Amino acid sequence: MATDNAQTNILFICVDQWRADALSLAGHCVVETPHLDRLAQEGINFTQAYAATPTCVPARATIFTGLNQRHTGFVGYNDRVDWRYDKTMPGLLAEAGYHTQCVGKMHTQPSRNLMGFHNVILHDGYLHRERAKRDDYGLVDDYTPWLRERLGPQADYIDTGVGCNGYAARPWLYDEMLHPTSWVTTMSIDFLRRRDPTKPFFLMMSYHRPHPPLDPPQSFLDRYLTKELPDPIMGDWAPTGLPVRGLDSPVPMDPAQRDYARRAYYAQISHIDYNLNRMFQALYENNVLDNTAIIFTADHGEMLYDHNHLAKGYPFDSSARLPFILRLPRVGHAHQGGRVDAPMKQVDQVIELRDLLPTFCDLAGRDAPDHIDGRSILPLARGETNGWRDYLHGEHFLQEDSNQWLTDGKEKYIWYSQTGRELLFDLEDDPTELRDLAAARPQRVRFWRERLIAELDGREEGFVHNGTLVIRRPQSPTLVAAGRYRER
């Protein structure tokens, strides 16, 4: 019989659209994340974590399967196809004897696809296609019916009046404990009460925020209203104007409105940080904190006006690089405001979301499936770096901005597949990607280009012909030849 003291519990905290630099432990001059700072002090901070396909659907397909984008079939955002994968992270952990639960965002198709979880309490945010075709949104969402039970049948997730893909901002208009961030935390704490005590647990706390709508509670927004903001990062290669995009909300161009949106984004982050402490306290009070592994990361980042870009899908660190903290189980570690036993450890090797599934299998004491592309990061946590990947290949279908990119954490090479433009950044000297060195370092461009040709050779799009990259090939957010939506 598995008990709390016999096997490692796993808490997987996944946030949506959280930039890697938006942590005070990362040296951000504005953001306040004291509780995640403490988690990192008790654990390991992975500084070069990436989403190879940095939007919600492809990133989450990788999270749940351990496959890279070629093998999930998602090389862009496509929410119109059913997911059919034979082996999934929660399913494997359930087979290993875990009680598995997700609270919050899944973003699978169909929406009620359990992906191997025993149970899901679901809130994916505002799903445009589902809202347009369903009279009862509760069929694909558990938060909205919960809100209406407390405020009446007309209450809605969108009552604040800001859209879920835009950069207009306004404080949450209801009680703070009714906010979706607080709801995810409350439902997750309740799982600790009703879980099976004879099994270890795997709990995925999946916050929709800091993804828009930018509607933080007033108390958290107030923390940022008087702070001096640095200007958005602006590279010498950046376009001259902002994009005008967004399904349901405008893109403010006025500097004051722009900065208000940035403040609201940071406030969403602090709101999550304080809610995580609610969960950490609940773990302590349920006597499972010592033997629970905690992983905190995101599905992708947020450009947030950097380089005159917004949202995600781009190869730049603001969009593709992730916060990633691992806190391993420890007996007798400092609790609830106590002194930290050891300084934070840092790992600088490049990891990716595909590495989550094998890491969880490793924590659970079972072998990961042979077909997956990811690798457990526990050896890196022990300082064992030999044989780790030399570089990461990322990409995203974005119409004219469709991109392919490679990074080893020290350099980054980018190729725009529709225009042929190439960018090269020295991340060690220029971590915010201000200076394009493609013209100044043609040999390094050639080196990375040859690696990309090897990655893309034989792809169905026809990116490579006679050993040369070919531009303006027809593209799609999903691949046919990869055997998509099922185990390859």
Protein backbone atom coordinates (compact mmCIF):
# COMPACT_ATOMS: atom_id res chain seq x y z
CA MET A 1 0.00 0.00 0.00
CA ALA A 2 1.38 3.40 -0.98
CA THR A 3 1.22 6.02 1.75
CA ASP A 4 2.23 9.65 2.10
CA ASN A 5 5.54 8.61 3.66
CA ALA A 6 6.40 5.93 1.10
CA GLN A 7 6.22 7.60 -2.31
CA THR A 8 6.86 11.07 -3.67
CA ASN A 9 3.82 13.23 -4.24
CA ILE A 10 4.06 15.59 -7.21
CA LEU A 11 2.66 19.12 -7.43
CA PHE A 12 2.94 20.51 -10.95
CA ILE A 13 2.22 24.25 -11.13
CA CYS A 14 1.68 25.38 -14.71
CA VAL A 15 0.95 29.02 -15.45
CA ASP A 16 -0.06 30.50 -18.78
CA GLN A 17 1.97 33.17 -20.61
CA TRP A 18 4.52 33.93 -17.85
CA ARG A 19 7.85 35.34 -19.06
CA ALA A 20 11.06 33.82 -17.72
CA ASP A 21 12.37 37.19 -16.53
CA ALA A 22 9.21 38.08 -14.59
CA LEU A 23 10.46 36.84 -11.23
CA SER A 24 12.16 38.89 -8.58
CA LEU A 25 14.64 36.03 -8.12
CA ALA A 26 15.64 36.58 -11.77
CA GLY A 27 16.57 40.17 -10.94
CA HIS A 28 13.47 41.86 -12.36
CA CYS A 29 13.38 45.45 -11.16
CA VAL A 30 9.58 45.61 -10.80
CA VAL A 31 8.01 42.18 -10.25
CA GLU A 32 7.39 40.93 -6.70
CA THR A 33 7.36 37.14 -6.28
CA PRO A 34 8.49 36.47 -2.69
CA HIS A 35 6.97 33.01 -2.39
CA LEU A 36 8.43 31.69 -5.63
CA ASP A 37 11.74 33.22 -4.56
CA ARG A 38 11.59 31.10 -1.42
CA LEU A 39 10.65 28.01 -3.42
CA ALA A 40 13.74 28.55 -5.55
CA GLN A 41 15.87 29.04 -2.44
CA GLU A 42 14.78 25.56 -1.38
CA GLY A 43 15.25 24.11 -4.84
CA ILE A 44 16.82 24.53 -8.24
CA ASN A 45 16.34 27.32 -10.76
CA PHE A 46 16.64 26.24 -14.40
CA THR A 47 17.63 29.39 -16.25
CA GLN A 48 17.41 28.08 -19.83
CA ALA A 49 13.97 26.45 -19.99
CA TYR A 50 12.07 26.86 -23.25
CA ALA A 51 8.83 26.12 -25.04
CA ALA A 52 9.84 24.97 -28.51
CA THR A 53 6.41 25.93 -29.88
CA PRO A 54 5.39 28.82 -27.65
CA THR A 55 1.60 29.01 -27.77
CA CYS A 56 -0.95 27.21 -25.62
CA VAL A 57 -2.06 24.25 -27.75
CA PRO A 58 1.29 23.01 -29.10
CA ALA A 59 3.06 23.63 -25.80
CA ARG A 60 0.47 21.68 -23.83
CA ALA A 61 0.54 18.82 -26.31
CA THR A 62 4.25 18.56 -25.56
CA ILE A 63 3.68 18.81 -21.80
CA PHE A 64 1.21 15.94 -21.80
CA THR A 65 3.12 13.65 -24.17
CA GLY A 66 6.85 14.28 -23.78
CA LEU A 67 7.08 14.59 -27.57
CA ASN A 68 8.67 17.34 -29.61
CA GLN A 69 6.60 19.39 -32.04
CA ARG A 70 7.29 17.13 -35.02
CA HIS A 71 5.90 14.15 -33.15
CA THR A 72 2.92 15.82 -31.48
CA GLY A 73 2.02 17.13 -34.94
CA PHE A 74 1.55 20.68 -33.64
CA VAL A 75 3.98 23.24 -35.10
CA GLY A 76 1.55 26.09 -34.47
CA TYR A 77 -1.76 26.86 -32.79
CA ASN A 78 -4.71 24.75 -33.92
CA ASP A 79 -7.68 24.14 -31.61
CA ARG A 80 -9.84 22.41 -34.21
CA VAL A 81 -8.50 18.85 -34.11
CA ASP A 82 -9.07 16.09 -31.59
CA TRP A 83 -6.14 14.90 -29.51
CA ARG A 84 -5.52 11.15 -29.70
CA TYR A 85 -2.36 10.22 -27.84
CA ASP A 86 -1.91 6.71 -26.49
CA LYS A 87 0.59 7.60 -23.76
CA THR A 88 0.17 10.71 -21.61
CA MET A 89 1.81 12.08 -18.51
CA PRO A 90 -1.22 11.77 -16.18
CA GLY A 91 -2.10 8.37 -17.63
CA LEU A 92 1.38 7.01 -16.96
CA LEU A 93 1.30 8.32 -13.39
CA ALA A 94 -2.14 6.82 -12.84
CA GLU A 95 -0.73 3.48 -14.01
CA ALA A 96 2.11 3.95 -11.51
CA GLY A 97 -0.43 4.14 -8.68
CA TYR A 98 -0.93 7.89 -8.39
CA HIS A 99 -4.21 9.65 -7.72
CA THR A 100 -4.18 12.21 -10.53
CA GLN A 101 -6.06 15.49 -10.64
CA CYS A 102 -5.93 18.67 -12.74
CA VAL A 103 -7.47 21.96 -11.66
CA GLY A 104 -7.67 24.78 -14.18
CA LYS A 105 -6.48 25.01 -17.75
CA MET A 106 -6.02 21.99 -20.03
CA HIS A 107 -6.70 23.44 -23.53
CA THR A 108 -7.16 20.05 -25.15
CA GLN A 109 -9.67 19.04 -27.77
CA PRO A 110 -12.35 18.06 -26.96
CA SER A 111 -12.35 20.24 -23.89
CA ARG A 112 -13.40 17.41 -21.57
CA ASN A 113 -10.59 15.15 -22.77
CA LEU A 114 -9.19 13.81 -19.49
CA MET A 115 -5.79 12.97 -21.02
CA GLY A 116 -5.39 10.20 -18.43
CA PHE A 117 -6.32 12.21 -15.31
CA HIS A 118 -8.73 10.60 -12.89
CA ASN A 119 -10.56 13.91 -12.71
CA VAL A 120 -10.34 17.45 -14.09
CA ILE A 121 -11.91 20.60 -12.67
CA LEU A 122 -11.75 22.72 -15.77
CA HIS A 123 -11.25 26.36 -16.65
CA ASP A 124 -9.54 27.12 -19.96
CA GLY A 125 -10.43 30.80 -19.95
CA TYR A 126 -12.61 32.25 -22.69
CA LEU A 127 -12.86 29.78 -25.58
CA HIS A 128 -14.24 31.71 -28.54
CA ARG A 129 -15.51 28.79 -30.58
CA GLU A 130 -17.11 27.12 -27.57
CA ARG A 131 -18.80 30.33 -26.42
CA ALA A 132 -20.19 30.90 -29.90
CA LYS A 133 -21.73 27.47 -30.31
CA ARG A 134 -22.92 26.47 -26.83
CA ASP A 135 -25.96 27.64 -24.86
CA ASP A 136 -24.46 26.13 -21.69
CA TYR A 137 -20.79 27.04 -21.33
CA GLY A 138 -20.71 24.86 -18.22
CA LEU A 139 -20.46 21.87 -20.52
CA VAL A 140 -16.82 22.82 -21.16
CA ASP A 141 -16.06 24.95 -18.08
CA ASP A 142 -16.44 24.42 -14.33
CA TYR A 143 -15.53 27.90 -13.11
CA THR A 144 -18.41 29.83 -14.70
CA PRO A 145 -21.18 27.70 -13.09
CA TRP A 146 -19.34 28.01 -9.75
CA LEU A 147 -19.26 31.82 -10.13
CA ARG A 148 -22.95 31.94 -10.98
CA GLU A 149 -23.87 29.89 -7.94
CA ARG A 150 -22.38 32.70 -5.84
CA LEU A 151 -23.38 35.81 -7.79
CA GLY A 152 -26.47 34.86 -9.75
CA PRO A 153 -27.23 33.40 -13.19
CA GLN A 154 -26.13 36.50 -15.13
CA ALA A 155 -22.63 36.69 -13.68
CA ASP A 156 -19.89 35.87 -16.15
CA TYR A 157 -16.15 35.50 -16.55
CA ILE A 158 -16.12 38.46 -18.96
CA ASP A 159 -17.99 40.98 -16.77
CA THR A 160 -14.87 43.07 -16.24
CA GLY A 161 -15.13 44.03 -19.91
CA VAL A 162 -11.60 43.28 -21.12
CA GLY A 163 -10.82 40.62 -23.68
CA CYS A 164 -8.78 37.47 -23.20
CA ASN A 165 -6.33 38.23 -26.03
CA GLY A 166 -5.90 41.97 -25.65
CA TYR A 167 -4.00 44.59 -23.73
CA ALA A 168 -6.70 46.82 -22.37
CA ALA A 169 -6.72 46.38 -18.59
CA ARG A 170 -9.07 46.90 -15.67
CA PRO A 171 -9.21 45.64 -12.06
CA TRP A 172 -11.32 42.58 -11.32
CA LEU A 173 -14.75 43.86 -10.30
CA TYR A 174 -15.82 41.07 -7.92
CA ASP A 175 -14.43 39.81 -4.63
CA GLU A 176 -10.80 38.68 -4.88
CA MET A 177 -11.66 35.15 -3.78
CA LEU A 178 -13.96 34.82 -6.82
CA HIS A 179 -11.16 35.53 -9.28
CA PRO A 180 -10.17 32.53 -11.47
CA THR A 181 -6.68 32.53 -9.92
CA SER A 182 -8.11 32.25 -6.41
CA TRP A 183 -10.58 29.60 -7.63
CA VAL A 184 -7.81 27.35 -9.00
CA THR A 185 -6.06 27.58 -5.64
CA THR A 186 -9.21 26.90 -3.62
CA MET A 187 -10.14 23.86 -5.70
CA SER A 188 -6.58 22.54 -5.50
CA ILE A 189 -6.52 22.85 -1.71
CA ASP A 190 -9.83 21.02 -1.58
CA PHE A 191 -8.26 18.13 -3.50
CA LEU A 192 -5.92 17.57 -0.55
CA ARG A 193 -9.00 16.98 1.60
CA ARG A 194 -10.68 14.47 -0.69
CA ARG A 195 -7.72 12.69 -2.27
CA ASP A 196 -7.18 8.97 -1.80
CA PRO A 197 -4.88 8.76 1.25
CA THR A 198 -3.63 5.30 0.26
CA LYS A 199 -1.96 6.62 -2.89
CA PRO A 200 0.62 9.26 -3.72
CA PHE A 201 -0.91 12.18 -5.60
CA PHE A 202 -0.13 14.01 -8.80
CA LEU A 203 -1.84 17.40 -8.80
CA MET A 204 -1.58 19.82 -11.72
CA MET A 205 -2.49 23.36 -10.66
CA SER A 206 -3.00 25.05 -14.01
CA TYR A 207 -3.54 28.81 -13.81
CA HIS A 208 -4.98 30.63 -16.81
CA ARG A 209 -3.25 33.83 -15.71
CA PRO A 210 -1.13 35.92 -16.27
CA HIS A 211 -2.56 35.36 -19.78
CA PRO A 212 -5.05 38.14 -20.58
CA PRO A 213 -7.66 39.28 -19.69
CA LEU A 214 -5.57 41.71 -17.70
CA ASP A 215 -7.95 41.93 -14.74
CA PRO A 216 -5.98 41.55 -11.49
CA PRO A 217 -7.64 42.28 -8.16
CA GLN A 218 -7.31 45.93 -7.21
CA SER A 219 -5.08 45.19 -4.20
CA PHE A 220 -2.44 43.65 -6.45
CA LEU A 221 -2.71 46.27 -9.17
CA ASP A 222 -2.20 48.97 -6.53
CA ARG A 223 1.24 47.53 -5.73
CA TYR A 224 2.43 48.46 -9.21
CA LEU A 225 0.71 51.77 -9.97
CA THR A 226 3.47 53.95 -8.53
CA LYS A 227 6.47 51.85 -9.58
CA GLU A 228 8.78 53.22 -12.21
CA LEU A 229 8.73 50.92 -15.23
CA PRO A 230 11.70 50.45 -17.52
CA ASP A 231 10.95 50.94 -21.20
CA PRO A 232 10.11 47.81 -23.18
CA ILE A 233 13.17 46.05 -24.61
CA MET A 234 13.85 47.27 -28.14
CA GLY A 235 16.38 45.55 -30.42
CA ASP A 236 18.19 47.19 -33.30
CA TRP A 237 16.42 44.70 -35.59
CA ALA A 238 12.86 45.31 -34.34
CA PRO A 239 10.00 46.52 -36.57
CA THR A 240 9.15 50.20 -36.29
CA GLY A 241 5.50 49.83 -35.33
CA LEU A 242 3.29 47.74 -33.09
CA PRO A 243 1.05 45.05 -34.55
CA VAL A 244 -2.69 45.66 -34.50
CA ARG A 245 -4.00 42.28 -33.43
CA GLY A 246 -6.43 40.75 -31.00
CA LEU A 247 -9.70 38.92 -31.36
CA ASP A 248 -11.63 40.64 -28.64
CA SER A 249 -9.69 43.58 -27.25
CA PRO A 250 -7.68 46.49 -28.62
CA VAL A 251 -3.92 46.96 -28.56
CA PRO A 252 -3.34 50.30 -26.79
CA MET A 253 -0.75 52.43 -28.55
CA ASP A 254 -0.70 55.29 -26.04
CA PRO A 255 2.34 54.92 -23.73
CA ALA A 256 0.25 55.40 -20.58
CA GLN A 257 -2.22 52.67 -21.60
CA ARG A 258 0.64 50.44 -22.67
CA ASP A 259 2.31 50.80 -19.29
CA TYR A 260 -1.00 50.23 -17.49
CA ALA A 261 -1.26 46.89 -19.31
CA ARG A 262 2.27 45.98 -18.26
CA ARG A 263 1.49 46.87 -14.64
CA ALA A 264 -1.65 44.73 -14.77
CA TYR A 265 0.35 41.82 -16.17
CA TYR A 266 2.85 42.05 -13.30
CA ALA A 267 -0.04 42.30 -10.84
CA GLN A 268 -1.48 39.04 -12.20
CA ILE A 269 1.90 37.45 -11.48
CA SER A 270 1.98 38.66 -7.87
CA HIS A 271 -1.60 37.49 -7.38
CA ILE A 272 -0.54 33.98 -8.42
CA ASP A 273 2.56 34.14 -6.23
CA TYR A 274 0.51 34.88 -3.11
CA ASN A 275 -2.02 32.21 -4.02
CA LEU A 276 0.77 29.69 -4.29
CA ASN A 277 1.63 30.39 -0.68
CA ARG A 278 -1.92 29.40 0.20
CA MET A 279 -1.17 26.04 -1.43
CA PHE A 280 2.23 25.66 0.20
CA GLN A 281 0.63 26.26 3.60
CA ALA A 282 -2.05 23.68 2.81
CA LEU A 283 0.62 21.11 1.93
CA TYR A 284 2.29 21.80 5.27
CA GLU A 285 -0.96 21.55 7.21
CA ASN A 286 -1.80 18.26 5.48
CA ASN A 287 1.64 16.92 6.45
CA VAL A 288 2.71 16.26 2.85
CA LEU A 289 5.07 19.16 2.15
CA ASP A 290 8.25 17.25 2.99
CA ASN A 291 7.56 14.41 0.57
CA THR A 292 6.09 16.43 -2.29
CA ALA A 293 8.13 17.38 -5.34
CA ILE A 294 7.10 20.79 -6.70
CA ILE A 295 7.70 21.96 -10.25
CA PHE A 296 6.72 25.47 -11.32
CA THR A 297 6.81 26.51 -14.98
CA ALA A 298 4.76 28.05 -17.80
CA ASP A 299 3.52 26.93 -21.19
CA HIS A 300 5.12 29.96 -22.90
CA GLY A 301 6.01 33.61 -22.31
CA GLU A 302 4.64 37.01 -23.34
CA MET A 303 6.30 39.64 -25.55
CA LEU A 304 4.56 42.48 -23.64
CA TYR A 305 5.60 45.21 -26.12
CA ASP A 306 9.23 44.07 -26.26
CA HIS A 307 10.76 44.60 -29.71
CA ASN A 308 7.36 45.98 -30.84
CA HIS A 309 5.74 42.56 -30.45
CA LEU A 310 2.86 41.26 -28.36
CA ALA A 311 1.63 37.88 -27.12
CA LYS A 312 3.54 34.72 -28.08
CA GLY A 313 4.59 32.37 -30.87
CA TYR A 314 7.83 34.28 -31.45
CA PRO A 315 11.34 32.85 -31.08
CA PHE A 316 12.59 35.58 -28.75
CA ASP A 317 13.22 34.91 -25.08
CA SER A 318 10.29 37.09 -23.97
CA SER A 319 7.99 34.61 -25.74
CA ALA A 320 9.82 31.27 -25.75
CA ARG A 321 11.87 31.15 -22.52
CA LEU A 322 10.14 29.99 -19.33
CA PRO A 323 10.46 30.30 -15.57
CA PHE A 324 11.29 26.84 -14.22
CA ILE A 325 11.81 25.91 -10.57
CA LEU A 326 12.17 22.40 -9.19
CA ARG A 327 11.91 21.81 -5.47
CA LEU A 328 12.67 18.19 -4.59
CA PRO A 329 11.20 16.49 -1.51
CA ARG A 330 13.24 17.05 1.60
CA VAL A 331 12.78 16.05 5.20
CA GLY A 332 13.44 18.72 7.78
CA HIS A 333 13.64 21.63 5.34
CA ALA A 334 12.72 25.13 6.49
CA HIS A 335 8.97 25.72 6.83
CA GLN A 336 6.74 28.76 6.60
CA GLY A 337 9.09 31.65 7.09
CA GLY A 338 11.90 29.63 8.66
CA ARG A 339 15.53 30.04 7.65
CA VAL A 340 16.64 28.59 4.33
CA ASP A 341 19.00 25.64 4.81
CA ALA A 342 21.00 26.09 1.59
CA PRO A 343 21.30 28.65 -1.20
CA MET A 344 19.45 28.18 -4.45
CA LYS A 345 21.12 25.92 -7.00
CA GLN A 346 21.16 27.02 -10.63
CA VAL A 347 21.21 24.88 -13.78
CA ASP A 348 22.03 26.54 -17.11
CA GLN A 349 21.57 23.64 -19.54
CA VAL A 350 18.77 24.03 -22.11
CA ILE A 351 15.64 22.13 -21.11
CA GLU A 352 12.21 22.06 -22.75
CA LEU A 353 8.62 21.20 -21.88
CA ARG A 354 9.09 17.71 -23.37
CA ASP A 355 11.33 16.99 -20.37
CA LEU A 356 8.46 17.21 -17.87
CA LEU A 357 6.92 13.79 -18.57
CA PRO A 358 10.14 11.79 -18.13
CA THR A 359 11.01 13.86 -15.05
CA PHE A 360 7.67 12.98 -13.46
CA CYS A 361 8.19 9.32 -14.35
CA ASP A 362 11.63 9.52 -12.72
CA LEU A 363 10.13 11.04 -9.58
CA ALA A 364 7.51 8.29 -9.53
CA GLY A 365 10.16 5.58 -9.82
CA ARG A 366 9.04 4.24 -13.18
CA ASP A 367 10.62 4.18 -16.62
CA ALA A 368 9.45 6.67 -19.22
CA PRO A 369 8.22 5.26 -22.55
CA ASP A 370 10.94 4.66 -25.11
CA HIS A 371 9.21 6.66 -27.85
CA ILE A 372 9.27 10.07 -26.15
CA ASP A 373 11.69 12.88 -27.03
CA GLY A 374 12.19 14.41 -23.59
CA ARG A 375 14.63 13.41 -20.87
CA SER A 376 14.45 13.55 -17.10
CA ILE A 377 16.08 16.66 -15.66
CA LEU A 378 16.87 14.97 -12.34
CA PRO A 379 20.42 14.14 -13.47
CA LEU A 380 20.93 17.86 -14.18
CA ALA A 381 19.65 18.62 -10.69
CA ARG A 382 22.40 16.33 -9.39
CA GLY A 383 25.03 18.12 -11.46
CA GLU A 384 25.29 15.37 -14.10
CA THR A 385 25.50 17.32 -17.36
CA ASN A 386 27.43 14.93 -19.62
CA GLY A 387 25.51 13.88 -22.69
CA TRP A 388 22.81 16.53 -22.37
CA ARG A 389 21.37 18.00 -25.60
CA ASP A 390 23.67 20.30 -27.55
CA TYR A 391 20.88 22.63 -28.66
CA LEU A 392 17.12 22.99 -29.03
CA HIS A 393 15.12 23.36 -32.23
CA GLY A 394 11.99 25.50 -31.95
CA GLU A 395 9.47 26.78 -34.45
CA HIS A 396 6.04 28.29 -34.87
CA PHE A 397 3.63 28.79 -37.74
CA LEU A 398 2.69 32.50 -37.71
CA GLN A 399 1.78 33.34 -41.30
CA GLU A 400 4.39 35.88 -42.51
CA ASP A 401 6.17 35.67 -39.15
CA SER A 402 6.51 31.87 -39.28
CA ASN A 403 9.84 31.08 -37.70
CA GLN A 404 12.43 28.38 -37.11
CA TRP A 405 15.06 28.79 -34.41
CA LEU A 406 17.91 27.06 -32.63
CA THR A 407 19.59 27.83 -29.31
CA ASP A 408 22.17 26.31 -27.02
CA GLY A 409 21.52 28.92 -24.32
CA LYS A 410 24.57 30.88 -25.43
CA GLU A 411 23.62 31.80 -28.98
CA LYS A 412 20.32 31.91 -30.83
CA TYR A 413 19.77 31.63 -34.56
CA ILE A 414 16.43 32.50 -36.18
CA TRP A 415 15.22 31.90 -39.72
CA TYR A 416 11.92 33.33 -40.98
CA SER A 417 10.61 30.70 -43.37
CA GLN A 418 8.44 33.06 -45.41
CA THR A 419 11.00 35.82 -45.96
CA GLY A 420 14.38 34.14 -45.46
CA ARG A 421 15.48 36.72 -42.91
CA GLU A 422 18.12 35.46 -40.47
CA LEU A 423 18.93 36.79 -37.00
CA LEU A 424 21.78 35.83 -34.67
CA PHE A 425 22.10 36.75 -31.01
CA ASP A 426 24.95 36.28 -28.53
CA LEU A 427 22.90 35.50 -25.44
CA GLU A 428 25.87 35.56 -23.10
CA ASP A 429 26.76 39.17 -23.94
CA ASP A 430 23.28 40.26 -25.00
CA PRO A 431 20.64 38.30 -23.02
CA THR A 432 17.79 40.61 -24.06
CA GLU A 433 18.51 40.17 -27.77
CA LEU A 434 19.17 43.81 -28.54
CA ARG A 435 21.81 43.34 -31.25
CA ASP A 436 21.45 41.24 -34.38
CA LEU A 437 24.89 39.84 -35.25
CA ALA A 438 23.95 37.98 -38.44
CA ALA A 439 25.84 40.34 -40.72
CA ALA A 440 28.84 40.61 -38.39
CA ARG A 441 29.28 36.87 -37.81
CA PRO A 442 28.60 35.05 -41.09
CA GLN A 443 30.53 31.95 -40.02
CA ARG A 444 28.32 31.48 -36.97
CA VAL A 445 25.24 32.02 -39.11
CA ARG A 446 26.51 29.36 -41.51
CA PHE A 447 27.17 26.99 -38.59
CA TRP A 448 23.63 27.33 -37.24
CA ARG A 449 22.06 27.31 -40.69
CA GLU A 450 23.62 23.90 -41.39
CA ARG A 451 22.19 22.59 -38.14
CA LEU A 452 18.74 23.88 -39.08
CA ILE A 453 18.99 22.29 -42.53
CA ALA A 454 19.70 18.96 -40.84
CA GLU A 455 16.65 19.44 -38.58
CA LEU A 456 14.31 20.33 -41.46
CA ASP A 457 15.56 17.97 -44.16
CA GLY A 458 12.74 15.69 -45.23
CA ARG A 459 9.96 17.72 -43.61
CA GLU A 460 6.67 17.66 -45.49
CA GLU A 461 6.72 21.43 -46.06
CA GLY A 462 9.79 21.13 -48.28
CA PHE A 463 11.91 23.59 -46.30
CA VAL A 464 15.10 22.02 -47.68
CA HIS A 465 16.01 21.36 -51.32
CA ASN A 466 19.45 20.22 -52.46
CA GLY A 467 20.87 21.07 -49.05
CA THR A 468 19.56 24.63 -49.08
CA LEU A 469 16.77 26.34 -47.13
CA VAL A 470 13.77 27.23 -49.30
CA ILE A 471 11.52 30.17 -48.45
CA ARG A 472 7.77 30.66 -48.92
CA ARG A 473 6.87 27.00 -48.71
CA PRO A 474 3.17 26.41 -47.89
CA GLN A 475 2.77 25.81 -44.17
CA SER A 476 0.16 24.71 -41.67
CA PRO A 477 -0.03 24.67 -37.86
CA THR A 478 -0.31 20.87 -37.93
CA LEU A 479 1.74 18.18 -39.65
CA VAL A 480 0.27 15.27 -41.55
CA ALA A 481 3.32 13.03 -41.87
CA ALA A 482 4.14 13.03 -38.16
CA GLY A 483 1.29 10.67 -37.30
CA ARG A 484 -0.27 13.52 -35.35
CA TYR A 485 -2.57 13.23 -32.37
CA ARG A 486 -1.48 9.70 -31.53
CA GLU A 487 1.63 7.93 -30.34
CA ARG A 488 4.08 7.58 -33.18
